[in-house]
Protein backbone atom coordinates (compact mmCIF):
# COMPACT_ATOMS: atom_id res chain seq x y z
CA MET A 1 22.45 -0.54 93.29
CA LYS A 2 19.73 -0.48 91.18
CA VAL A 3 20.12 3.01 90.17
CA LYS A 4 23.77 2.75 89.98
CA LEU A 5 23.34 -0.26 87.40
CA LEU A 6 20.66 2.07 85.09
CA THR A 7 22.57 4.85 85.47
CA THR A 8 25.83 3.10 84.01
CA ILE A 9 23.32 1.20 81.40
CA SER A 10 22.10 4.78 80.54
CA PHE A 11 25.06 6.10 80.20
CA LEU A 12 26.48 3.29 77.52
CA THR A 13 23.27 3.41 75.52
CA TYR A 14 24.45 7.01 75.29
CA GLN A 15 27.96 6.49 74.26
CA LEU A 16 26.90 4.01 71.94
CA SER A 17 24.00 6.14 70.14
CA ILE A 18 26.72 9.30 69.91
CA SER A 19 29.22 7.04 68.49
CA GLN A 20 27.01 5.24 65.72
CA THR A 21 25.39 8.75 64.56
CA GLU A 22 27.14 10.94 62.14
CA LYS A 23 26.68 14.35 63.25
CA LEU A 24 28.20 17.61 61.47
CA LEU A 25 30.91 18.65 62.89
CA HIS A 26 32.36 22.52 62.79
CA GLY A 27 35.95 23.44 63.16
CA LYS A 28 38.67 25.81 61.96
CA VAL A 29 42.24 25.37 60.84
CA VAL A 30 45.34 27.37 61.78
CA SER A 31 49.19 27.97 61.88
CA GLN A 32 51.10 30.67 63.94
CA ASN A 33 48.03 32.46 64.89
CA SER A 34 46.93 32.62 60.76
CA VAL A 35 43.68 31.13 59.58
CA LEU A 36 44.38 28.49 56.77
CA LYS A 37 41.60 28.46 53.82
CA ASN A 38 41.38 25.92 51.30
CA VAL A 39 42.79 23.12 53.37
CA GLU A 40 41.47 19.71 52.47
CA VAL A 41 39.51 18.05 55.25
CA ILE A 42 39.60 14.32 54.69
CA ASN A 43 37.23 11.92 56.84
CA LYS A 44 39.38 8.88 56.06
CA THR A 45 37.17 6.84 58.03
CA ALA A 46 33.86 7.47 55.88
CA LYS A 47 36.13 8.36 52.64
CA THR A 48 34.24 12.06 52.56
CA SER A 49 36.17 15.35 52.35
CA THR A 50 35.81 18.93 52.42
CA ARG A 51 37.85 22.39 52.35
CA THR A 52 38.40 25.29 55.11
CA ASN A 53 36.67 28.49 53.82
CA ASP A 54 38.42 32.02 53.96
CA SER A 55 37.70 31.97 57.37
CA GLY A 56 39.83 28.43 57.79
CA GLU A 57 36.81 27.23 59.09
CA PHE A 58 34.89 24.00 58.06
CA SER A 59 32.14 21.61 58.68
CA ILE A 60 31.81 17.56 58.30
CA LEU A 61 29.93 14.61 58.99
CA VAL A 62 31.78 12.70 61.66
CA LYS A 63 31.36 9.80 63.81
CA VAL A 64 33.44 8.86 67.61
CA GLN A 65 36.62 7.38 66.44
CA ASP A 66 36.45 8.73 62.95
CA SER A 67 40.34 9.85 61.31
CA LEU A 68 40.52 13.13 60.09
CA LEU A 69 43.45 14.35 58.17
CA PHE A 70 44.16 18.04 56.96
CA PHE A 71 46.25 18.92 54.09
CA SER A 72 47.65 21.55 52.34
CA LYS A 73 50.85 21.81 49.95
CA ASP A 74 52.63 24.04 52.13
CA TYR A 75 52.01 22.15 55.57
CA TYR A 76 52.49 18.85 57.13
CA PHE A 77 49.27 16.98 56.83
CA THR A 78 47.50 16.41 60.76
CA ARG A 79 46.09 13.74 61.57
CA LEU A 80 43.17 13.40 64.12
CA LYS A 81 41.20 10.85 65.83
CA LEU A 82 37.90 11.92 67.06
CA LYS A 83 36.94 11.49 70.58
CA ALA A 84 32.96 12.30 72.28
CA LYS A 85 34.02 15.08 73.82
CA ASP A 86 35.21 17.04 70.59
CA ILE A 87 31.84 16.08 69.03
CA GLU A 88 30.29 17.36 71.89
CA THR A 89 32.16 20.63 72.03
CA ASN A 90 31.94 20.67 67.88
CA ASN A 91 34.25 23.41 67.73
CA ILE A 92 37.74 22.23 67.81
CA ILE A 93 40.81 24.15 66.36
CA VAL A 94 43.40 22.18 64.26
CA ASN A 95 47.02 23.72 64.29
CA MET A 96 49.25 23.33 61.33
CA VAL A 97 52.79 23.12 61.02
CA ILE A 98 54.37 24.50 58.11
CA LYS A 99 57.43 23.11 55.84
CA PRO A 100 60.23 24.49 55.51
CA GLU A 101 61.31 26.44 52.74
CA GLU A 102 63.02 23.93 49.89
CA LEU A 103 66.31 24.48 48.50
CA ASP A 104 66.86 24.96 44.58
CA ASP A 105 68.56 21.91 43.07
CA VAL A 106 72.15 21.61 42.37
CA VAL A 107 73.08 21.84 38.81
CA ILE A 108 76.18 20.10 37.86
CA THR A 109 77.80 21.13 34.61
CA LYS A 110 79.69 19.02 32.72
CA MET A 111 83.11 19.94 31.88
CA LYS A 112 85.69 18.33 29.55
CA PHE A 113 89.42 18.85 29.48
CA GLN A 114 91.90 17.75 26.79
CA LYS A 115 93.50 14.57 27.03
CA VAL A 116 97.61 14.82 28.13
CA LYS A 117 99.21 13.60 24.51
CA PHE A 118 102.48 11.57 24.68
CA ASP A 119 105.19 13.18 22.83
CA ALA A 120 108.56 10.53 22.34
CA GLU A 121 110.56 13.13 20.85
CA LYS A 122 110.11 15.58 23.94
CA VAL A 123 110.77 12.75 26.13
CA ASN A 124 114.23 11.22 24.30
CA GLU A 125 115.17 15.08 24.62
CA ILE A 126 115.02 15.29 28.51
CA ASN A 127 116.73 12.00 28.75
CA ASN A 128 119.46 12.97 26.75
CA GLY A 129 119.56 15.84 28.76
CA LYS A 130 119.86 14.10 31.70
CA THR A 131 122.38 11.70 30.40
CA ALA A 132 124.83 14.23 29.62
CA ASN A 133 124.27 16.04 32.88
CA ASP A 134 124.38 12.43 34.85
CA LEU A 135 127.81 12.20 36.57
CA THR A 136 127.02 8.92 38.15
CA ARG A 137 128.14 6.82 35.52
CA TYR A 138 131.69 8.53 35.91
CA THR A 139 132.18 8.64 39.49
CA GLY A 140 129.94 5.92 40.53
CA VAL A 141 128.00 7.87 43.29
CA ASN A 142 124.28 7.56 43.40
CA ASP A 143 122.49 10.95 44.05
CA GLY A 144 119.55 9.23 44.42
CA ARG A 145 117.92 10.16 41.33
CA ILE A 146 116.06 7.56 39.37
CA ARG A 147 117.44 7.62 35.94
CA TYR A 148 115.73 7.72 32.76
CA SER A 149 112.62 8.04 34.80
CA ALA A 150 110.85 9.45 31.66
CA ASN A 151 110.52 6.18 30.21
CA MET A 152 109.21 4.58 32.88
CA ASN A 153 105.74 3.62 32.79
CA ILE A 154 103.67 3.22 36.08
CA PRO A 155 99.95 1.99 35.60
CA LEU A 156 97.90 3.57 37.86
CA GLY A 157 95.13 1.66 37.04
CA ARG A 158 92.44 1.52 34.18
CA ALA A 159 90.01 3.49 33.31
CA HIS A 160 86.50 2.27 32.99
CA SER A 161 83.77 4.11 31.74
CA LYS A 162 80.62 3.93 33.56
CA GLU A 163 77.32 4.79 32.34
CA LYS A 164 75.81 8.09 34.53
CA TYR A 165 72.40 7.03 35.76
CA GLU A 166 69.70 10.10 37.18
CA ILE A 167 68.81 8.37 40.75
CA ASP A 168 64.94 9.01 40.85
CA GLU A 169 64.05 10.27 44.49
CA ARG A 170 60.84 11.47 43.42
CA PHE A 171 58.87 9.42 45.88
CA LYS A 172 61.07 9.96 48.68
CA LYS A 173 60.66 13.74 48.35
CA MET A 174 56.76 13.28 47.77
CA ALA A 175 56.55 11.02 50.84
CA THR A 176 58.62 13.24 53.00
CA ALA A 177 56.67 16.41 52.05
CA TYR A 178 53.09 14.77 52.73
CA CYS A 179 54.19 13.43 56.18
CA PRO A 180 54.97 15.27 59.37
CA PRO A 181 58.25 14.80 60.71
CA ASP A 182 56.98 12.42 63.32
CA PHE A 183 54.79 10.20 61.22
CA PHE A 184 57.64 7.51 60.34
CA ARG A 185 58.81 7.32 64.24
CA ASN A 186 54.85 7.66 65.94
CA ASN A 187 53.05 6.32 63.53
CA LEU A 188 55.21 3.56 61.38
CA LYS A 189 57.51 2.60 64.32
CA LEU A 190 60.81 3.47 62.32
CA ASN A 191 64.04 4.93 63.32
CA GLU A 192 66.04 7.58 61.02
CA GLU A 193 68.10 4.39 59.72
CA GLN A 194 64.90 2.45 59.05
CA LYS A 195 63.08 5.08 57.70
CA GLN A 196 65.82 5.60 54.73
CA LEU A 197 65.64 2.04 54.11
CA PHE A 198 61.83 1.76 54.29
CA LEU A 199 61.35 4.26 51.75
CA GLU A 200 64.07 2.43 49.25
CA PHE A 201 61.50 -0.48 49.84
CA CYS A 202 58.73 1.91 48.67
CA ASP A 203 60.45 2.71 45.51
CA ALA A 204 61.25 -0.49 44.38
CA ASP A 205 57.30 -0.90 44.35
CA PRO A 206 56.24 -0.18 40.68
CA LYS A 207 52.99 1.34 42.57
CA SER A 208 55.11 4.41 43.71
CA LYS A 209 55.34 5.76 40.28
CA THR A 210 51.87 5.35 39.75
CA LEU A 211 51.67 7.76 43.08
CA ILE A 212 53.80 9.83 41.63
CA ASP A 213 51.71 10.53 38.70
CA HIS A 214 48.51 11.01 40.79
CA PRO A 215 49.68 11.79 44.13
CA ASN A 216 46.89 12.01 46.65
CA VAL A 217 47.50 12.16 50.40
CA LEU A 218 44.76 9.13 51.38
CA SER A 219 46.46 7.00 48.88
CA ILE A 220 49.91 7.50 49.68
CA MET A 221 49.20 6.95 53.34
CA ASP A 222 47.20 3.60 52.68
CA PHE A 223 50.49 2.68 50.26
CA LEU A 224 52.83 3.63 53.24
CA TYR A 225 51.03 1.46 56.10
CA ALA A 226 50.63 -1.40 53.38
CA LYS A 227 54.47 -1.27 52.77
CA ASN A 228 55.82 -1.35 56.61
CA GLU A 229 53.79 -4.18 57.37
CA GLU A 230 55.67 -6.13 54.40
CA PHE A 231 58.54 -4.10 55.70
CA LYS A 232 58.54 -5.24 59.08
CA LYS A 233 58.22 -9.16 57.76
CA LEU A 234 61.50 -8.77 56.23
CA GLN A 235 62.95 -7.67 59.35
């Protein structure tokens, strides 16, 4: 019994020492069997970062339970929460998923059409011609036609001029581009309908405009997590 107790205490002490001591972690970032250079590797917990070299390799100080973020503009960012075995192995391989190629924005050309002019003389000329050929006044038989139809004024609704506003969706696009497809579903626990409402909720915050001017993956994630807590309280 004493041997088992001492073994358990030793094991817990060893695990605690590993979790509290920073160690230099080595790894490599790849995508579709190709190494990725210049990928930003961020220790979100320790607020430190580094980049991969030409061989896709990196080294960074970590502890157990630290969160590592891997960011490159052409790939969805990847998040990894470190376990003791990751540090013991000290040779992790991180796979990143490439973003789909975005199509160019559709350009809508504004076209102007000539206004239809009302010509009273032409209308009278048409009505006079119809009157001359109209035999109903002599026979009393209605052939179904509407007499003097050119004089009828049927209101089709008044046109209201509306000022055209350009919808600013830069924050939505940035948040979607910086986050992997399953981030909103798995991390923020939002379905597709809630995701769209959530992004509009975030866009209404003036801080989102600051993030557009100075994009940073850590700041964007912290902002989304914080806004998600506010968003849940409104539901």
